[in-house]
């Protein structure tokens, strides 16, 4: 019996698809050819999915926070603009 490498097993699992691998593992766990590599592959898939979900949630949170920051910047700019107009008005009155 020839033992397959991790890459060969993982490539076969990838071609089969995660749902099919999980279905076969549940249906006949004793008939899985390389159970250690199959479980390792599924664990890796779970880690990647979790990392992607975490990253996506962090990006969504950052993007949700942007309008607040933009609002603050616009508010600050408007306040500075009003202050500049008021200062200009006061300086113009002083020259008269």
PDB file of N, CA and C in Angstrom:
ATOM      1  N   UNK A   1       0.839  -1.183   0.000  1.00  0.00           N
ATOM      2  CA  UNK A   1       0.000   0.000   0.000  1.00  0.00           C
ATOM      3  C   UNK A   1       0.891   1.256   0.000  1.00  0.00           C
ATOM      4  N   UNK A   2       0.625   2.130  -0.909  1.00  0.00           N
ATOM      5  CA  UNK A   2       1.401   3.353  -1.035  1.00  0.00           C
ATOM      6  C   UNK A   2       0.735   4.444  -0.208  1.00  0.00           C
ATOM      7  N   UNK A   3       1.512   5.060   0.647  1.00  0.00           N
ATOM      8  CA  UNK A   3       0.970   6.137   1.487  1.00  0.00           C
ATOM      9  C   UNK A   3       1.044   7.447   0.709  1.00  0.00           C
ATOM     10  N   UNK A   4      -0.053   8.184   0.725  1.00  0.00           N
ATOM     11  CA  UNK A   4      -0.119   9.464   0.010  1.00  0.00           C
ATOM     12  C   UNK A   4       0.466  10.578   0.868  1.00  0.00           C
ATOM     13  N   UNK A   5       0.945  11.604   0.204  1.00  0.00           N
ATOM     14  CA  UNK A   5       1.444  12.770   0.928  1.00  0.00           C
ATOM     15  C   UNK A   5       0.258  13.635   1.358  1.00  0.00           C
ATOM     16  N   UNK A   6       0.535  14.535   2.273  1.00  0.00           N
ATOM     17  CA  UNK A   6      -0.501  15.461   2.735  1.00  0.00           C
ATOM     18  C   UNK A   6      -1.071  16.257   1.568  1.00  0.00           C
ATOM     19  N   UNK A   7      -0.195  16.719   0.706  1.00  0.00           N
ATOM     20  CA  UNK A   7      -0.638  17.531  -0.428  1.00  0.00           C
ATOM     21  C   UNK A   7      -1.563  16.739  -1.347  1.00  0.00           C
ATOM     22  N   UNK A   8      -1.240  15.467  -1.584  1.00  0.00           N
ATOM     23  CA  UNK A   8      -2.094  14.645  -2.435  1.00  0.00           C
ATOM     24  C   UNK A   8      -3.475  14.455  -1.815  1.00  0.00           C
ATOM     25  N   UNK A   9      -3.488  14.139  -0.527  1.00  0.00           N
ATOM     26  CA  UNK A   9      -4.767  13.928   0.156  1.00  0.00           C
ATOM     27  C   UNK A   9      -5.571  15.221   0.173  1.00  0.00           C
ATOM     28  N   UNK A  10      -4.920  16.323   0.516  1.00  0.00           N
ATOM     29  CA  UNK A  10      -5.634  17.598   0.580  1.00  0.00           C
ATOM     30  C   UNK A  10      -6.157  18.010  -0.794  1.00  0.00           C
ATOM     31  N   UNK A  11      -5.399  17.737  -1.838  1.00  0.00           N
ATOM     32  CA  UNK A  11      -5.864  18.049  -3.198  1.00  0.00           C
ATOM     33  C   UNK A  11      -7.118  17.238  -3.526  1.00  0.00           C
ATOM     34  N   UNK A  12      -7.121  15.956  -3.173  1.00  0.00           N
ATOM     35  CA  UNK A  12      -8.296  15.117  -3.403  1.00  0.00           C
ATOM     36  C   UNK A  12      -9.504  15.621  -2.604  1.00  0.00           C
ATOM     37  N   UNK A  13      -9.240  16.007  -1.376  1.00  0.00           N
ATOM     38  CA  UNK A  13     -10.328  16.533  -0.540  1.00  0.00           C
ATOM     39  C   UNK A  13     -10.877  17.835  -1.124  1.00  0.00           C
ATOM     40  N   UNK A  14      -9.993  18.680  -1.610  1.00  0.00           N
ATOM     41  CA  UNK A  14     -10.399  19.943  -2.221  1.00  0.00           C
ATOM     42  C   UNK A  14     -11.281  19.684  -3.434  1.00  0.00           C
ATOM     43  N   UNK A  15     -10.886  18.714  -4.254  1.00  0.00           N
ATOM     44  CA  UNK A  15     -11.672  18.370  -5.439  1.00  0.00           C
ATOM     45  C   UNK A  15     -13.042  17.821  -5.052  1.00  0.00           C
ATOM     46  N   UNK A  16     -13.084  17.078  -3.954  1.00  0.00           N
ATOM     47  CA  UNK A  16     -14.338  16.493  -3.485  1.00  0.00           C
ATOM     48  C   UNK A  16     -15.274  17.565  -2.909  1.00  0.00           C
ATOM     49  N   UNK A  17     -14.699  18.522  -2.245  1.00  0.00           N
ATOM     50  CA  UNK A  17     -15.482  19.593  -1.629  1.00  0.00           C
ATOM     51  C   UNK A  17     -15.738  19.325  -0.158  1.00  0.00           C
ATOM     52  N   UNK A  18     -15.772  20.387   0.611  1.00  0.00           N
ATOM     53  CA  UNK A  18     -15.899  20.261   2.065  1.00  0.00           C
ATOM     54  C   UNK A  18     -17.195  19.577   2.489  1.00  0.00           C
ATOM     55  N   UNK A  19     -18.303  19.931   1.858  1.00  0.00           N
ATOM     56  CA  UNK A  19     -19.580  19.327   2.236  1.00  0.00           C
ATOM     57  C   UNK A  19     -19.575  17.817   2.022  1.00  0.00           C
ATOM     58  N   UNK A  20     -19.037  17.377   0.892  1.00  0.00           N
ATOM     59  CA  UNK A  20     -18.978  15.943   0.587  1.00  0.00           C
ATOM     60  C   UNK A  20     -18.051  15.221   1.558  1.00  0.00           C
ATOM     61  N   UNK A  21     -16.930  15.839   1.891  1.00  0.00           N
ATOM     62  CA  UNK A  21     -15.993  15.231   2.832  1.00  0.00           C
ATOM     63  C   UNK A  21     -16.661  15.056   4.188  1.00  0.00           C
ATOM     64  N   UNK A  22     -17.327  16.095   4.655  1.00  0.00           N
ATOM     65  CA  UNK A  22     -18.011  16.002   5.954  1.00  0.00           C
ATOM     66  C   UNK A  22     -19.119  14.946   5.921  1.00  0.00           C
ATOM     67  N   UNK A  23     -19.859  14.883   4.817  1.00  0.00           N
ATOM     68  CA  UNK A  23     -20.942  13.905   4.699  1.00  0.00           C
ATOM     69  C   UNK A  23     -20.387  12.489   4.759  1.00  0.00           C
ATOM     70  N   UNK A  24     -19.316  12.219   4.011  1.00  0.00           N
ATOM     71  CA  UNK A  24     -18.709  10.891   4.006  1.00  0.00           C
ATOM     72  C   UNK A  24     -18.116  10.533   5.362  1.00  0.00           C
ATOM     73  N   UNK A  25     -17.511  11.507   6.018  1.00  0.00           N
ATOM     74  CA  UNK A  25     -16.909  11.269   7.325  1.00  0.00           C
ATOM     75  C   UNK A  25     -17.980  10.912   8.351  1.00  0.00           C
ATOM     76  N   UNK A  26     -19.126  11.582   8.280  1.00  0.00           N
ATOM     77  CA  UNK A  26     -20.225  11.275   9.200  1.00  0.00           C
ATOM     78  C   UNK A  26     -20.849   9.924   8.888  1.00  0.00           C
ATOM     79  N   UNK A  27     -21.011   9.613   7.592  1.00  0.00           N
ATOM     80  CA  UNK A  27     -21.680   8.377   7.194  1.00  0.00           C
ATOM     81  C   UNK A  27     -20.834   7.144   7.519  1.00  0.00           C
ATOM     82  N   UNK A  28     -19.552   7.190   7.196  1.00  0.00           N
ATOM     83  CA  UNK A  28     -18.689   6.020   7.378  1.00  0.00           C
ATOM     84  C   UNK A  28     -17.321   6.440   7.904  1.00  0.00           C
ATOM     85  N   UNK A  29     -17.250   6.811   9.173  1.00  0.00           N
ATOM     86  CA  UNK A  29     -15.967   7.299   9.709  1.00  0.00           C
ATOM     87  C   UNK A  29     -14.866   6.243   9.704  1.00  0.00           C
ATOM     88  N   UNK A  30     -15.212   4.980   9.766  1.00  0.00           N
ATOM     89  CA  UNK A  30     -14.209   3.926   9.788  1.00  0.00           C
ATOM     90  C   UNK A  30     -13.604   3.636   8.429  1.00  0.00           C
ATOM     91  N   UNK A  31     -14.244   4.080   7.374  1.00  0.00           N
ATOM     92  CA  UNK A  31     -13.772   3.800   6.021  1.00  0.00           C
ATOM     93  C   UNK A  31     -12.955   4.929   5.403  1.00  0.00           C
ATOM     94  N   UNK A  32     -12.668   5.940   6.180  1.00  0.00           N
ATOM     95  CA  UNK A  32     -11.876   7.070   5.674  1.00  0.00           C
ATOM     96  C   UNK A  32     -10.435   6.614   5.524  1.00  0.00           C
ATOM     97  N   UNK A  33      -9.858   6.900   4.363  1.00  0.00           N
ATOM     98  CA  UNK A  33      -8.516   6.404   4.027  1.00  0.00           C
ATOM     99  C   UNK A  33      -7.431   6.982   4.938  1.00  0.00           C
ATOM    100  N   UNK A  34      -7.388   8.264   5.101  1.00  0.00           N
ATOM    101  CA  UNK A  34      -6.380   8.939   5.923  1.00  0.00           C
ATOM    102  C   UNK A  34      -7.105   9.839   6.931  1.00  0.00           C
ATOM    103  N   UNK A  35      -7.660   9.266   8.000  1.00  0.00           N
ATOM    104  CA  UNK A  35      -8.498  10.070   8.908  1.00  0.00           C
ATOM    105  C   UNK A  35      -7.759  11.240   9.555  1.00  0.00           C
ATOM    106  N   UNK A  36      -6.486  11.054   9.892  1.00  0.00           N
ATOM    107  CA  UNK A  36      -5.728  12.149  10.503  1.00  0.00           C
ATOM    108  C   UNK A  36      -5.597  13.337   9.565  1.00  0.00           C
ATOM    109  N   UNK A  37      -5.295  13.063   8.304  1.00  0.00           N
ATOM    110  CA  UNK A  37      -5.144  14.138   7.323  1.00  0.00           C
ATOM    111  C   UNK A  37      -6.495  14.775   6.990  1.00  0.00           C
ATOM    112  N   UNK A  38      -7.551  13.976   6.986  1.00  0.00           N
ATOM    113  CA  UNK A  38      -8.890  14.514   6.715  1.00  0.00           C
ATOM    114  C   UNK A  38      -9.297  15.474   7.830  1.00  0.00           C
ATOM    115  N   UNK A  39      -9.093  15.050   9.076  1.00  0.00           N
ATOM    116  CA  UNK A  39      -9.441  15.923  10.209  1.00  0.00           C
ATOM    117  C   UNK A  39      -8.568  17.176  10.228  1.00  0.00           C
ATOM    118  N   UNK A  40      -7.299  17.009   9.879  1.00  0.00           N
ATOM    119  CA  UNK A  40      -6.397  18.158   9.809  1.00  0.00           C
ATOM    120  C   UNK A  40      -6.856  19.147   8.726  1.00  0.00           C
ATOM    121  N   UNK A  41      -7.269  18.615   7.577  1.00  0.00           N
ATOM    122  CA  UNK A  41      -7.748  19.456   6.476  1.00  0.00           C
ATOM    123  C   UNK A  41      -9.012  20.210   6.881  1.00  0.00           C
ATOM    124  N   UNK A  42      -9.932  19.503   7.540  1.00  0.00           N
ATOM    125  CA  UNK A  42     -11.169  20.158   7.983  1.00  0.00           C
ATOM    126  C   UNK A  42     -10.881  21.216   9.042  1.00  0.00           C
ATOM    127  N   UNK A  43      -9.957  20.920   9.952  1.00  0.00           N
ATOM    128  CA  UNK A  43      -9.591  21.909  10.974  1.00  0.00           C
ATOM    129  C   UNK A  43      -8.971  23.145  10.328  1.00  0.00           C
ATOM    130  N   UNK A  44      -8.135  22.923   9.316  1.00  0.00           N
ATOM    131  CA  UNK A  44      -7.524  24.048   8.594  1.00  0.00           C
ATOM    132  C   UNK A  44      -8.593  24.878   7.908  1.00  0.00           C
ATOM    133  N   UNK A  45      -9.563  24.220   7.282  1.00  0.00           N
ATOM    134  CA  UNK A  45     -10.664  24.929   6.623  1.00  0.00           C
ATOM    135  C   UNK A  45     -11.453  25.764   7.645  1.00  0.00           C
ATOM    136  N   UNK A  46     -11.685  25.182   8.817  1.00  0.00           N
ATOM    137  CA  UNK A  46     -12.407  25.912   9.865  1.00  0.00           C
ATOM    138  C   UNK A  46     -11.620  27.129  10.335  1.00  0.00           C
ATOM    139  N   UNK A  47     -10.297  26.962  10.507  1.00  0.00           N
ATOM    140  CA  UNK A  47      -9.455  28.098  10.933  1.00  0.00           C
ATOM    141  C   UNK A  47      -9.478  29.220   9.900  1.00  0.00           C
ATOM    142  N   UNK A  48      -9.392  28.842   8.632  1.00  0.00           N
ATOM    143  CA  UNK A  48      -9.412  29.850   7.566  1.00  0.00           C
ATOM    144  C   UNK A  48     -10.760  30.562   7.536  1.00  0.00           C
ATOM    145  N   UNK A  49     -11.850  29.802   7.651  1.00  0.00           N
ATOM    146  CA  UNK A  49     -13.185  30.400   7.640  1.00  0.00           C
ATOM    147  C   UNK A  49     -13.366  31.353   8.817  1.00  0.00           C
ATOM    148  N   UNK A  50     -12.869  30.960   9.978  1.00  0.00           N
ATOM    149  CA  UNK A  50     -12.962  31.816  11.168  1.00  0.00           C
ATOM    150  C   UNK A  50     -12.146  33.089  10.984  1.00  0.00           C
ATOM    151  N   UNK A  51     -10.947  32.951  10.457  1.00  0.00           N
ATOM    152  CA  UNK A  51     -10.095  34.124  10.229  1.00  0.00           C
ATOM    153  C   UNK A  51     -10.726  35.076   9.220  1.00  0.00           C
ATOM    154  N   UNK A  52     -11.309  34.530   8.166  1.00  0.00           N
ATOM    155  CA  UNK A  52     -11.977  35.374   7.169  1.00  0.00           C
ATOM    156  C   UNK A  52     -13.183  36.089   7.767  1.00  0.00           C
ATOM    157  N   UNK A  53     -13.954  35.377   8.578  1.00  0.00           N
ATOM    158  CA  UNK A  53     -15.120  35.994   9.207  1.00  0.00           C
ATOM    159  C   UNK A  53     -14.694  37.105  10.169  1.00  0.00           C
ATOM    160  N   UNK A  54     -13.634  36.857  10.924  1.00  0.00           N
ATOM    161  CA  UNK A  54     -13.137  37.871  11.858  1.00  0.00           C
ATOM    162  C   UNK A  54     -12.658  39.107  11.107  1.00  0.00           C
ATOM    163  N   UNK A  55     -11.902  38.892  10.048  1.00  0.00           N
ATOM    164  CA  UNK A  55     -11.407  40.006   9.244  1.00  0.00           C
ATOM    165  C   UNK A  55     -12.555  40.782   8.619  1.00  0.00           C
ATOM    166  N   UNK A  56     -13.535  40.065   8.115  1.00  0.00           N
ATOM    167  CA  UNK A  56     -14.700  40.711   7.511  1.00  0.00           C
ATOM    168  C   UNK A  56     -15.451  41.545   8.539  1.00  0.00           C
ATOM    169  N   UNK A  57     -15.631  41.000   9.737  1.00  0.00           N
ATOM    170  CA  UNK A  57     -16.319  41.746  10.793  1.00  0.00           C
ATOM    171  C   UNK A  57     -15.539  42.995  11.199  1.00  0.00           C
ATOM    172  N   UNK A  58     -14.213  42.868  11.278  1.00  0.00           N
ATOM    173  CA  UNK A  58     -13.390  44.027  11.629  1.00  0.00           C
ATOM    174  C   UNK A  58     -13.478  45.107  10.556  1.00  0.00           C
ATOM    175  N   UNK A  59     -13.447  44.700   9.295  1.00  0.00           N
ATOM    176  CA  UNK A  59     -13.563  45.671   8.204  1.00  0.00           C
ATOM    177  C   UNK A  59     -14.930  46.348   8.217  1.00  0.00           C
ATOM    178  N   UNK A  60     -15.968  45.570   8.470  1.00  0.00           N
ATOM    179  CA  UNK A  60     -17.316  46.145   8.537  1.00  0.00           C
ATOM    180  C   UNK A  60     -17.415  47.151   9.674  1.00  0.00           C
ATOM    181  N   UNK A  61     -16.821  46.812  10.798  1.00  0.00           N
ATOM    182  CA  UNK A  61     -16.849  47.730  11.946  1.00  0.00           C
ATOM    183  C   UNK A  61     -16.081  49.013  11.628  1.00  0.00           C
ATOM    184  N   UNK A  62     -14.949  48.873  10.955  1.00  0.00           N
ATOM    185  CA  UNK A  62     -14.182  50.060  10.583  1.00  0.00           C
ATOM    186  C   UNK A  62     -14.961  50.929   9.604  1.00  0.00           C
ATOM    187  N   UNK A  63     -15.588  50.299   8.626  1.00  0.00           N
ATOM    188  CA  UNK A  63     -16.342  51.049   7.629  1.00  0.00           C
ATOM    189  C   UNK A  63     -17.571  51.693   8.254  1.00  0.00           C
ATOM    190  N   UNK A  64     -18.167  51.044   9.215  1.00  0.00           N
ATOM    191  CA  UNK A  64     -19.314  51.629   9.898  1.00  0.00           C
ATOM    192  C   UNK A  64     -18.886  52.839  10.714  1.00  0.00           C
ATOM    193  N   UNK A  65     -17.655  52.839  11.197  1.00  0.00           N
ATOM    194  CA  UNK A  65     -17.148  53.951  11.992  1.00  0.00           C
ATOM    195  C   UNK A  65     -16.727  55.140  11.158  1.00  0.00           C
ATOM    196  N   UNK A  66     -16.499  54.935   9.878  1.00  0.00           N
ATOM    197  CA  UNK A  66     -16.024  56.029   9.021  1.00  0.00           C
ATOM    198  C   UNK A  66     -17.003  57.188   8.913  1.00  0.00           C
ATOM    199  N   UNK A  67     -18.288  56.957   8.699  1.00  0.00           N
ATOM    200  CA  UNK A  67     -19.188  58.103   8.581  1.00  0.00           C
ATOM    201  C   UNK A  67     -19.168  58.986   9.823  1.00  0.00           C
ATOM    202  N   UNK A  68     -18.961  58.382  10.992  1.00  0.00           N
ATOM    203  CA  UNK A  68     -18.887  59.177  12.215  1.00  0.00           C
ATOM    204  C   UNK A  68     -17.658  60.076  12.158  1.00  0.00           C
ATOM    205  N   UNK A  69     -16.535  59.533  11.763  1.00  0.00           N
ATOM    206  CA  UNK A  69     -15.317  60.331  11.659  1.00  0.00           C
ATOM    207  C   UNK A  69     -15.460  61.411  10.590  1.00  0.00           C
ATOM    208  N   UNK A  70     -16.064  61.054   9.471  1.00  0.00           N
ATOM    209  CA  UNK A  70     -16.270  62.036   8.405  1.00  0.00           C
ATOM    210  C   UNK A  70     -17.176  63.150   8.916  1.00  0.00           C
ATOM    211  N   UNK A  71     -18.201  62.777   9.668  1.00  0.00           N
ATOM    212  CA  UNK A  71     -19.091  63.788  10.248  1.00  0.00           C
ATOM    213  C   UNK A  71     -18.354  64.717  11.194  1.00  0.00           C
ATOM    214  N   UNK A  72     -17.470  64.148  11.978  1.00  0.00           N
ATOM    215  CA  UNK A  72     -16.683  64.977  12.901  1.00  0.00           C
ATOM    216  C   UNK A  72     -15.776  65.929  12.128  1.00  0.00           C
ATOM    217  N   UNK A  73     -15.161  65.437  11.087  1.00  0.00           N
ATOM    218  CA  UNK A  73     -14.272  66.277  10.281  1.00  0.00           C
ATOM    219  C   UNK A  73     -15.064  67.393   9.622  1.00  0.00           C
ATOM    220  N   UNK A  74     -16.217  67.049   9.063  1.00  0.00           N
ATOM    221  CA  UNK A  74     -17.049  68.079   8.430  1.00  0.00           C
ATOM    222  C   UNK A  74     -17.535  69.099   9.454  1.00  0.00           C
ATOM    223  N   UNK A  75     -17.911  68.627  10.624  1.00  0.00           N
ATOM    224  CA  UNK A  75     -18.345  69.538  11.678  1.00  0.00           C
ATOM    225  C   UNK A  75     -17.233  70.471  12.108  1.00  0.00           C
ATOM    226  N   UNK A  76     -16.039  69.913  12.258  1.00  0.00           N
ATOM    227  CA  UNK A  76     -14.886  70.741  12.634  1.00  0.00           C
ATOM    228  C   UNK A  76     -14.567  71.761  11.548  1.00  0.00           C
ATOM    229  N   UNK A  77     -14.626  71.337  10.296  1.00  0.00           N
ATOM    230  CA  UNK A  77     -14.356  72.256   9.185  1.00  0.00           C
ATOM    231  C   UNK A  77     -15.404  73.370   9.140  1.00  0.00           C
ATOM    232  N   UNK A  78     -16.659  73.008   9.357  1.00  0.00           N
ATOM    233  CA  UNK A  78     -17.720  74.021   9.353  1.00  0.00           C
ATOM    234  C   UNK A  78     -17.524  75.011  10.492  1.00  0.00           C
ATOM    235  N   UNK A  79     -17.161  74.505  11.667  1.00  0.00           N
ATOM    236  CA  UNK A  79     -16.927  75.376  12.816  1.00  0.00           C
ATOM    237  C   UNK A  79     -15.761  76.326  12.551  1.00  0.00           C
ATOM    238  N   UNK A  80     -14.694  75.808  11.957  1.00  0.00           N
ATOM    239  CA  UNK A  80     -13.562  76.667  11.613  1.00  0.00           C
ATOM    240  C   UNK A  80     -13.968  77.702  10.559  1.00  0.00           C
ATOM    241  N   UNK A  81     -14.788  77.303   9.618  1.00  0.00           N
ATOM    242  CA  UNK A  81     -15.253  78.234   8.590  1.00  0.00           C
ATOM    243  C   UNK A  81     -16.079  79.354   9.193  1.00  0.00           C
ATOM    244  N   UNK A  82     -16.977  79.009  10.103  1.00  0.00           N
ATOM    245  CA  UNK A  82     -17.810  80.025  10.769  1.00  0.00           C
ATOM    246  C   UNK A  82     -16.923  80.943  11.603  1.00  0.00           C
ATOM    247  N   UNK A  83     -15.945  80.371  12.290  1.00  0.00           N
ATOM    248  CA  UNK A  83     -15.041  81.188  13.100  1.00  0.00           C
ATOM    249  C   UNK A  83     -14.242  82.146  12.212  1.00  0.00           C
ATOM    250  N   UNK A  84     -13.803  81.676  11.046  1.00  0.00           N
ATOM    251  CA  UNK A  84     -13.044  82.532  10.130  1.00  0.00           C
ATOM    252  C   UNK A  84     -13.915  83.671   9.606  1.00  0.00           C
ATOM    253  N   UNK A  85     -15.163  83.366   9.269  1.00  0.00           N
ATOM    254  CA  UNK A  85     -16.083  84.411   8.786  1.00  0.00           C
ATOM    255  C   UNK A  85     -16.337  85.432   9.887  1.00  0.00           C
ATOM    256  N   UNK A  86     -16.544  84.931  11.115  1.00  0.00           N
ATOM    257  CA  UNK A  86     -16.795  85.851  12.230  1.00  0.00           C
ATOM    258  C   UNK A  86     -15.574  86.732  12.486  1.00  0.00           C
ATOM    259  N   UNK A  87     -14.394  86.150  12.431  1.00  0.00           N
ATOM    260  CA  UNK A  87     -13.183  86.930  12.640  1.00  0.00           C
ATOM    261  C   UNK A  87     -13.013  87.973  11.537  1.00  0.00           C
ATOM    262  N   UNK A  88     -13.267  87.577  10.308  1.00  0.00           N
ATOM    263  CA  UNK A  88     -13.192  88.526   9.187  1.00  0.00           C
ATOM    264  C   UNK A  88     -14.188  89.660   9.363  1.00  0.00           C
ATOM    265  N   UNK A  89     -15.387  89.344   9.803  1.00  0.00           N
ATOM    266  CA  UNK A  89     -16.413  90.353  10.030  1.00  0.00           C
ATOM    267  C   UNK A  89     -15.966  91.331  11.113  1.00  0.00           C
ATOM    268  N   UNK A  90     -15.424  90.786  12.223  1.00  0.00           N
ATOM    269  CA  UNK A  90     -14.965  91.648  13.310  1.00  0.00           C
ATOM    270  C   UNK A  90     -13.801  92.538  12.874  1.00  0.00           C
ATOM    271  N   UNK A  91     -12.872  91.998  12.113  1.00  0.00           N
ATOM    272  CA  UNK A  91     -11.742  92.793  11.649  1.00  0.00           C
ATOM    273  C   UNK A  91     -12.187  93.867  10.665  1.00  0.00           C
ATOM    274  N   UNK A  92     -13.175  93.569   9.847  1.00  0.00           N
ATOM    275  CA  UNK A  92     -13.686  94.549   8.877  1.00  0.00           C
ATOM    276  C   UNK A  92     -14.397  95.694   9.628  1.00  0.00           C
ATOM    277  N   UNK A  93     -15.123  95.373  10.666  1.00  0.00           N
ATOM    278  CA  UNK A  93     -15.816  96.412  11.448  1.00  0.00           C
ATOM    279  C   UNK A  93     -14.806  97.295  12.178  1.00  0.00           C
ATOM    280  N   UNK A  94     -13.712  96.709  12.603  1.00  0.00           N
ATOM    281  CA  UNK A  94     -12.715  97.447  13.344  1.00  0.00           C
ATOM    282  C   UNK A  94     -12.037  98.495  12.493  1.00  0.00           C
ATOM    283  N   UNK A  95     -11.867  98.234  11.174  1.00  0.00           N
ATOM    284  CA  UNK A  95     -11.211  99.159  10.281  1.00  0.00           C
ATOM    285  C   UNK A  95     -12.080 100.368   9.980  1.00  0.00           C
ATOM    286  N   UNK A  96     -13.357 100.271  10.148  1.00  0.00           N
ATOM    287  CA  UNK A  96     -14.241 101.387   9.810  1.00  0.00           C
ATOM    288  C   UNK A  96     -14.124 102.517  10.729  1.00  0.00           C
TER     289      UNK A  96
END
